[in-house]
Amino acid sequence: MKPDLGAPGWRETLPPQRALGCGAPITATAFSADGAIVAFAAGDGGVRRLPAAIDGSALPEADPAHKGAALSLIADPAGPGFVSGGDDGRLLRHDADGTVSEIASHQGRWVERLAGHRGSRTLAASAGKFVLVERAGARREIGPYPSTVSDLDLARDGGRVAAAHYGGVTVTSLGDPAASPRRFAWRGSHLALRWSPDLKFLATGTQENDIHVWRLAQATDMRMQGYPSKVKSLAWSADARFLFTSSQPVFTAWPFAGKGPEGKPPVQFGEEGAGLITVVATHPAGDFVAGGYDSGEIQLGDMQTKRSVVLRLADGSAINCIAWSPDGWKLAAGTQAGDQIVIDLRR
């Protein structure tokens, strides 16, 4: 069962949704592992939890979690709650009952990027030029890297962590501490990083308004140019056939099936006129992609039909983050103005 984006109801009405304001920019959002709770990290340091059901009431708010801004948030890979990082250098665990405990503190270093792998209970957090890894209860600090880590990602099997930094990407094995890191070099700053689900490619968005992709087996690379602004959000389709990117007015996907994208134009589709896409997120299992715009609009695209529908109308406040529920029936998003949005696609 899946939404039919060609049905009249999808084009004439918006799906059920709610938006609660918090008065501070939303920096990150995530669903709990069971999909029952959605959390939002905000610029005031707070992490707010809400029932994922759009008609549910707000849960009691915890005290502000971070002394500055909360910068990152993911579902806890080792439990039912969440993990957050802030510009106060603290890495915090938020239990399902709202209890907050400190995992680590890095004075003078922002905890800006997080990644988790539930199967191996692995948590990775960037802090300046280092990455802290918590794996099945044991902790390890990796680094220093050549510069501040701008993004990180864990391999789908949880066995390696990739960190983007000035000059490229470094991949480190987590199962063998004695193994030498593997370096993939390309000049300039790399702002966003995503590992393909089939583990064949590493993709980054760069300061130079393009994306860079490495083939891991051959250690060869490719570059896709022509973006009007910096590419800060990347998302692979669940089958690894397409790489979706931000910074375009419509959904833009590079094809990686067969021989890859060399010599081929990207696949583009969607409703124009909403501005530029600021963040993209692909469905956890199906052929769908969600895109948030700098205008505040949210669209849902169908990769098979190359159609899209508007899920939320523009209000002038950029979408900063977007996330799918584990079952793929809900979307959460946060805006620069502080709106915490949950959209129900099942109805």
Protein backbone atom coordinates (compact mmCIF):
# COMPACT_ATOMS: atom_id res chain seq x y z
CA MET A 1 0.00 0.00 0.00
CA LYS A 2 1.29 3.47 -0.89
CA PRO A 3 -0.07 6.96 -1.51
CA ASP A 4 -1.27 7.56 -5.07
CA LEU A 5 0.11 10.96 -5.97
CA GLY A 6 -2.06 11.06 -9.08
CA ALA A 7 -5.31 10.80 -7.12
CA PRO A 8 -7.41 14.00 -7.03
CA GLY A 9 -7.47 14.12 -3.24
CA TRP A 10 -3.70 14.39 -3.06
CA ARG A 11 -3.65 17.42 -5.35
CA GLU A 12 -6.66 19.26 -3.94
CA THR A 13 -6.14 18.96 -0.18
CA LEU A 14 -3.26 18.89 2.25
CA PRO A 15 -2.79 15.79 4.41
CA PRO A 16 -3.60 15.96 8.14
CA GLN A 17 -0.85 17.72 10.05
CA ARG A 18 -0.05 19.87 13.04
CA ALA A 19 2.50 22.57 13.74
CA LEU A 20 3.48 23.76 17.21
CA GLY A 21 5.69 26.81 17.64
CA CYS A 22 8.51 26.98 20.16
CA GLY A 23 9.95 30.44 19.52
CA ALA A 24 13.41 29.24 18.48
CA PRO A 25 14.77 27.82 15.21
CA ILE A 26 14.41 24.05 14.89
CA THR A 27 17.81 22.55 14.08
CA ALA A 28 17.06 18.80 13.93
CA THR A 29 14.23 16.31 14.24
CA ALA A 30 13.95 12.53 14.67
CA PHE A 31 11.42 9.81 15.45
CA SER A 32 11.98 7.32 18.25
CA ALA A 33 12.90 3.78 17.26
CA ASP A 34 9.28 2.61 17.65
CA GLY A 35 7.90 5.67 15.85
CA ALA A 36 5.63 6.65 18.72
CA ILE A 37 7.47 9.84 19.70
CA VAL A 38 8.98 12.62 17.60
CA ALA A 39 11.58 14.99 19.03
CA PHE A 40 12.82 18.40 17.94
CA ALA A 41 16.11 20.11 18.83
CA ALA A 42 15.99 23.90 18.98
CA GLY A 43 18.23 26.93 19.03
CA ASP A 44 17.27 27.69 22.63
CA GLY A 45 18.95 24.46 23.78
CA GLY A 46 15.74 22.54 24.35
CA VAL A 47 14.80 19.10 23.07
CA ARG A 48 11.02 18.80 22.86
CA ARG A 49 9.17 15.48 22.58
CA LEU A 50 5.71 15.09 21.06
CA PRO A 51 3.47 12.10 20.31
CA ALA A 52 3.82 11.19 16.65
CA ALA A 53 0.03 10.98 16.41
CA ILE A 54 -1.05 14.39 15.14
CA ASP A 55 -4.03 14.50 17.51
CA GLY A 56 -1.90 13.70 20.57
CA SER A 57 -1.16 16.17 23.32
CA ALA A 58 2.31 17.52 24.02
CA LEU A 59 4.46 15.61 26.47
CA PRO A 60 5.86 17.47 29.48
CA GLU A 61 8.90 19.42 28.33
CA ALA A 62 12.26 18.64 29.87
CA ASP A 63 14.40 21.49 31.13
CA PRO A 64 16.57 23.08 28.42
CA ALA A 65 19.03 20.33 27.58
CA HIS A 66 21.92 22.46 26.34
CA LYS A 67 23.26 25.75 27.67
CA GLY A 68 23.53 27.12 24.13
CA ALA A 69 21.84 25.78 21.01
CA ALA A 70 20.95 22.14 20.47
CA LEU A 71 22.56 21.37 17.10
CA SER A 72 21.96 17.68 16.43
CA LEU A 73 19.47 14.95 17.30
CA ILE A 74 18.92 11.28 16.43
CA ALA A 75 17.02 8.31 17.80
CA ASP A 76 19.14 6.58 20.44
CA PRO A 77 20.70 3.52 18.75
CA ALA A 78 21.01 1.83 22.15
CA GLY A 79 17.58 2.59 23.61
CA PRO A 80 14.05 3.92 23.14
CA GLY A 81 14.88 7.63 23.52
CA PHE A 82 17.07 10.17 21.75
CA VAL A 83 20.62 11.56 21.71
CA SER A 84 21.39 15.25 21.22
CA GLY A 85 24.49 17.40 20.77
CA GLY A 86 24.97 21.12 21.35
CA ASP A 87 27.28 24.06 20.96
CA ASP A 88 28.03 23.74 24.68
CA GLY A 89 30.08 20.62 23.83
CA ARG A 90 27.71 18.23 25.61
CA LEU A 91 26.46 14.93 24.21
CA LEU A 92 23.24 13.97 25.99
CA ARG A 93 20.97 10.93 26.21
CA HIS A 94 17.24 11.54 26.55
CA ASP A 95 15.45 8.49 27.95
CA ALA A 96 11.86 7.66 27.04
CA ASP A 97 10.63 9.09 30.36
CA GLY A 98 12.36 12.43 29.72
CA THR A 99 15.38 11.80 31.96
CA VAL A 100 18.48 13.50 30.55
CA SER A 101 21.99 12.16 31.22
CA GLU A 102 25.38 13.28 29.94
CA ILE A 103 27.33 10.89 27.71
CA ALA A 104 30.32 13.18 27.22
CA SER A 105 31.40 16.81 27.45
CA HIS A 106 33.84 18.51 25.09
CA GLN A 107 34.52 22.01 26.33
CA GLY A 108 35.10 24.45 23.48
CA ARG A 109 33.95 21.97 20.79
CA TRP A 110 30.51 21.85 19.16
CA VAL A 111 28.75 18.50 18.93
CA GLU A 112 27.22 19.27 15.56
CA ARG A 113 26.79 15.91 13.81
CA LEU A 114 25.42 12.56 14.99
CA ALA A 115 24.95 9.15 13.39
CA GLY A 116 23.56 5.92 14.82
CA HIS A 117 23.33 2.23 13.92
CA ARG A 118 20.77 0.32 15.94
CA GLY A 119 21.86 -3.20 14.99
CA SER A 120 25.35 -2.74 16.45
CA ARG A 121 24.23 -0.18 19.07
CA THR A 122 26.74 2.29 17.62
CA LEU A 123 26.65 6.04 18.19
CA ALA A 124 29.05 8.45 16.45
CA ALA A 125 29.31 12.14 17.37
CA SER A 126 31.54 14.84 15.92
CA ALA A 127 33.29 17.24 18.30
CA GLY A 128 35.72 19.60 16.59
CA LYS A 129 38.48 17.58 14.93
CA PHE A 130 37.44 14.37 16.69
CA VAL A 131 34.69 11.76 16.47
CA LEU A 132 33.48 10.01 19.62
CA VAL A 133 32.18 6.49 19.02
CA GLU A 134 30.09 4.59 21.56
CA ARG A 135 29.70 0.97 20.47
CA ALA A 136 27.83 -1.57 22.61
CA GLY A 137 28.77 0.40 25.73
CA ALA A 138 32.49 0.88 24.92
CA ARG A 139 33.78 4.32 23.90
CA ARG A 140 36.55 5.35 21.54
CA GLU A 141 37.73 8.75 20.28
CA ILE A 142 38.96 8.94 16.69
CA GLY A 143 41.13 11.79 15.41
CA PRO A 144 42.38 14.37 15.07
CA TYR A 145 41.17 14.89 11.51
CA PRO A 146 42.74 17.55 9.24
CA SER A 147 40.01 20.04 10.22
CA THR A 148 36.73 20.24 12.07
CA VAL A 149 34.47 17.34 11.09
CA SER A 150 31.66 18.87 9.02
CA ASP A 151 29.54 15.72 8.70
CA LEU A 152 29.71 12.00 9.39
CA ASP A 153 27.90 8.79 8.50
CA LEU A 154 28.01 5.14 9.52
CA ALA A 155 28.13 2.30 7.02
CA ARG A 156 24.87 0.38 6.76
CA ASP A 157 26.49 -2.59 8.50
CA GLY A 158 27.69 -0.35 11.34
CA GLY A 159 31.30 -1.44 10.91
CA ARG A 160 32.85 1.82 9.63
CA VAL A 161 32.49 5.53 10.22
CA ALA A 162 33.11 8.13 7.51
CA ALA A 163 33.97 11.72 8.44
CA ALA A 164 33.96 14.68 6.06
CA HIS A 165 36.51 17.44 6.60
CA TYR A 166 38.57 19.93 4.65
CA GLY A 167 40.29 18.06 1.82
CA GLY A 168 38.00 15.04 1.64
CA VAL A 169 36.67 12.10 3.64
CA THR A 170 38.32 9.65 6.05
CA VAL A 171 36.86 6.16 6.66
CA THR A 172 37.77 4.32 9.88
CA SER A 173 37.07 0.69 10.76
CA LEU A 174 35.30 0.28 14.09
CA GLY A 175 35.81 -3.47 14.39
CA ASP A 176 39.62 -3.32 14.11
CA PRO A 177 41.19 -0.42 16.03
CA ALA A 178 44.61 -1.31 14.57
CA ALA A 179 43.42 -0.89 10.96
CA SER A 180 44.71 2.21 9.18
CA PRO A 181 42.07 4.80 8.19
CA ARG A 182 41.32 5.12 4.50
CA ARG A 183 41.49 8.61 3.00
CA PHE A 184 39.52 9.87 0.00
CA ALA A 185 40.99 13.21 -1.02
CA TRP A 186 39.50 16.14 -2.90
CA ARG A 187 40.45 19.76 -2.33
CA GLY A 188 38.10 22.16 -0.59
CA SER A 189 35.49 21.98 2.16
CA HIS A 190 32.99 19.12 2.24
CA LEU A 191 29.77 20.13 4.00
CA ALA A 192 27.48 17.08 3.75
CA LEU A 193 28.22 13.35 3.64
CA ARG A 194 26.16 10.25 2.89
CA TRP A 195 27.20 6.63 2.40
CA SER A 196 25.18 4.70 -0.21
CA PRO A 197 23.05 1.84 1.21
CA ASP A 198 24.94 -0.71 -0.92
CA LEU A 199 28.25 0.60 0.53
CA LYS A 200 29.67 1.25 -2.95
CA PHE A 201 29.79 5.06 -2.89
CA LEU A 202 30.56 8.01 -0.62
CA ALA A 203 28.96 11.32 -1.62
CA THR A 204 29.64 14.82 -0.33
CA GLY A 205 28.24 18.27 -0.94
CA THR A 206 30.98 20.88 -1.18
CA GLN A 207 31.62 24.55 -0.58
CA GLU A 208 32.03 24.98 -4.36
CA ASN A 209 28.32 24.40 -5.13
CA ASP A 210 28.79 20.86 -6.39
CA ILE A 211 28.78 17.25 -5.20
CA HIS A 212 31.67 14.80 -5.16
CA VAL A 213 31.31 11.02 -5.21
CA TRP A 214 33.91 8.28 -4.68
CA ARG A 215 33.67 4.65 -5.75
CA LEU A 216 35.07 2.80 -2.77
CA ALA A 217 36.18 -0.37 -4.58
CA GLN A 218 38.21 1.42 -7.27
CA ALA A 219 38.98 4.60 -5.26
CA THR A 220 37.91 6.62 -8.30
CA ASP A 221 35.79 9.74 -8.09
CA MET A 222 33.39 11.96 -10.01
CA ARG A 223 32.12 15.52 -9.71
CA MET A 224 28.69 16.95 -10.52
CA GLN A 225 28.51 20.72 -10.91
CA GLY A 226 26.05 23.48 -11.73
CA TYR A 227 24.21 24.05 -8.45
CA PRO A 228 23.12 27.62 -7.64
CA SER A 229 24.16 27.29 -3.99
CA LYS A 230 26.03 25.01 -1.58
CA VAL A 231 24.67 21.46 -1.40
CA LYS A 232 24.06 20.84 2.30
CA SER A 233 21.65 17.90 2.15
CA LEU A 234 22.02 14.51 0.44
CA ALA A 235 19.82 11.40 0.49
CA TRP A 236 20.18 8.02 -1.23
CA SER A 237 17.13 6.08 -2.33
CA ALA A 238 16.61 2.89 -0.33
CA ASP A 239 17.79 0.76 -3.28
CA ALA A 240 20.88 2.99 -3.85
CA ARG A 241 19.83 3.71 -7.43
CA PHE A 242 19.49 7.47 -6.96
CA LEU A 243 21.26 10.20 -5.01
CA PHE A 244 18.96 13.14 -4.23
CA THR A 245 20.41 16.57 -3.50
CA SER A 246 19.26 19.91 -2.14
CA SER A 247 19.88 23.36 -3.66
CA GLN A 248 17.61 23.00 -6.70
CA PRO A 249 14.04 24.26 -7.32
CA VAL A 250 12.79 20.71 -8.05
CA PHE A 251 13.70 17.20 -6.95
CA THR A 252 17.10 16.35 -8.45
CA ALA A 253 18.51 12.82 -8.46
CA TRP A 254 21.67 11.43 -10.00
CA PRO A 255 21.30 7.86 -11.34
CA PHE A 256 23.75 5.30 -9.95
CA ALA A 257 22.34 2.12 -11.48
CA GLY A 258 24.35 0.45 -14.21
CA LYS A 259 27.44 2.48 -15.17
CA GLY A 260 26.54 5.41 -12.95
CA PRO A 261 25.88 9.08 -13.71
CA GLU A 262 28.89 9.90 -15.91
CA GLY A 263 27.66 11.52 -19.10
CA LYS A 264 24.03 11.48 -17.95
CA PRO A 265 21.85 14.38 -16.81
CA PRO A 266 20.16 14.15 -13.44
CA VAL A 267 16.54 13.09 -13.14
CA GLN A 268 14.44 16.15 -12.23
CA PHE A 269 10.76 16.46 -11.36
CA GLY A 270 8.41 18.33 -9.06
CA GLU A 271 6.36 21.48 -8.69
CA GLU A 272 8.42 24.61 -9.42
CA GLY A 273 8.02 28.02 -7.88
CA ALA A 274 8.61 27.24 -4.20
CA GLY A 275 12.23 28.43 -4.13
CA LEU A 276 15.22 26.16 -3.51
CA ILE A 277 15.16 22.83 -1.68
CA THR A 278 17.05 23.15 1.61
CA VAL A 279 16.76 19.54 2.82
CA VAL A 280 15.85 16.18 1.29
CA ALA A 281 14.93 12.85 2.90
CA THR A 282 14.17 9.60 1.11
CA HIS A 283 11.58 7.09 2.30
CA PRO A 284 13.06 4.30 4.46
CA ALA A 285 11.81 1.58 2.09
CA GLY A 286 9.69 2.93 -0.77
CA ASP A 287 10.15 5.06 -3.86
CA PHE A 288 9.38 8.41 -2.25
CA VAL A 289 11.38 11.52 -1.41
CA ALA A 290 10.42 14.47 0.76
CA GLY A 291 11.84 17.94 0.18
CA GLY A 292 11.70 21.06 2.33
CA TYR A 293 12.16 24.48 0.73
CA ASP A 294 13.66 27.79 1.80
CA SER A 295 10.11 29.19 1.45
CA GLY A 296 8.68 26.77 4.01
CA GLU A 297 6.93 24.57 1.46
CA ILE A 298 7.20 20.78 1.75
CA GLN A 299 6.71 18.46 -1.22
CA LEU A 300 6.46 14.69 -1.56
CA GLY A 301 7.84 13.12 -4.73
CA ASP A 302 7.23 9.70 -6.28
CA MET A 303 10.37 8.37 -7.98
CA GLN A 304 8.40 5.95 -10.18
CA THR A 305 5.80 8.33 -11.62
CA LYS A 306 8.02 11.45 -11.39
CA ARG A 307 5.12 13.31 -9.82
CA SER A 308 5.02 15.42 -6.70
CA VAL A 309 2.43 16.95 -4.42
CA VAL A 310 2.56 19.81 -1.93
CA LEU A 311 2.27 18.66 1.67
CA ARG A 312 2.70 22.06 3.33
CA LEU A 313 2.24 25.52 1.87
CA ALA A 314 5.01 28.09 1.96
CA ASP A 315 4.97 30.56 4.85
CA GLY A 316 8.32 32.30 4.30
CA SER A 317 10.25 30.35 6.95
CA ALA A 318 12.82 27.86 5.63
CA ILE A 319 12.58 24.15 6.40
CA ASN A 320 15.74 23.33 8.36
CA CYS A 321 15.25 19.59 8.88
CA ILE A 322 13.00 16.73 7.84
CA ALA A 323 12.71 13.07 8.88
CA TRP A 324 10.61 10.00 8.11
CA SER A 325 9.02 7.80 10.74
CA PRO A 326 10.38 4.22 10.81
CA ASP A 327 7.21 2.87 9.16
CA GLY A 328 7.31 5.54 6.44
CA TRP A 329 3.83 6.93 7.08
CA LYS A 330 4.72 10.18 8.85
CA LEU A 331 7.02 13.11 8.25
CA ALA A 332 8.48 15.48 10.82
CA ALA A 333 9.98 18.84 9.88
CA GLY A 334 11.24 21.95 11.61
CA THR A 335 11.42 25.56 10.43
CA GLN A 336 13.66 28.53 11.02
CA ALA A 337 10.76 30.29 12.73
CA GLY A 338 10.40 27.47 15.27
CA ASP A 339 7.48 25.42 13.92
CA GLN A 340 7.52 21.74 14.88
CA ILE A 341 5.60 19.96 12.12
CA VAL A 342 4.19 16.42 11.94
CA ILE A 343 2.43 15.26 8.76
CA ASP A 344 0.32 12.09 8.60
CA LEU A 345 0.41 10.48 5.15
CA ARG A 346 -1.66 7.41 6.02
CA ARG A 347 -4.92 9.38 6.02
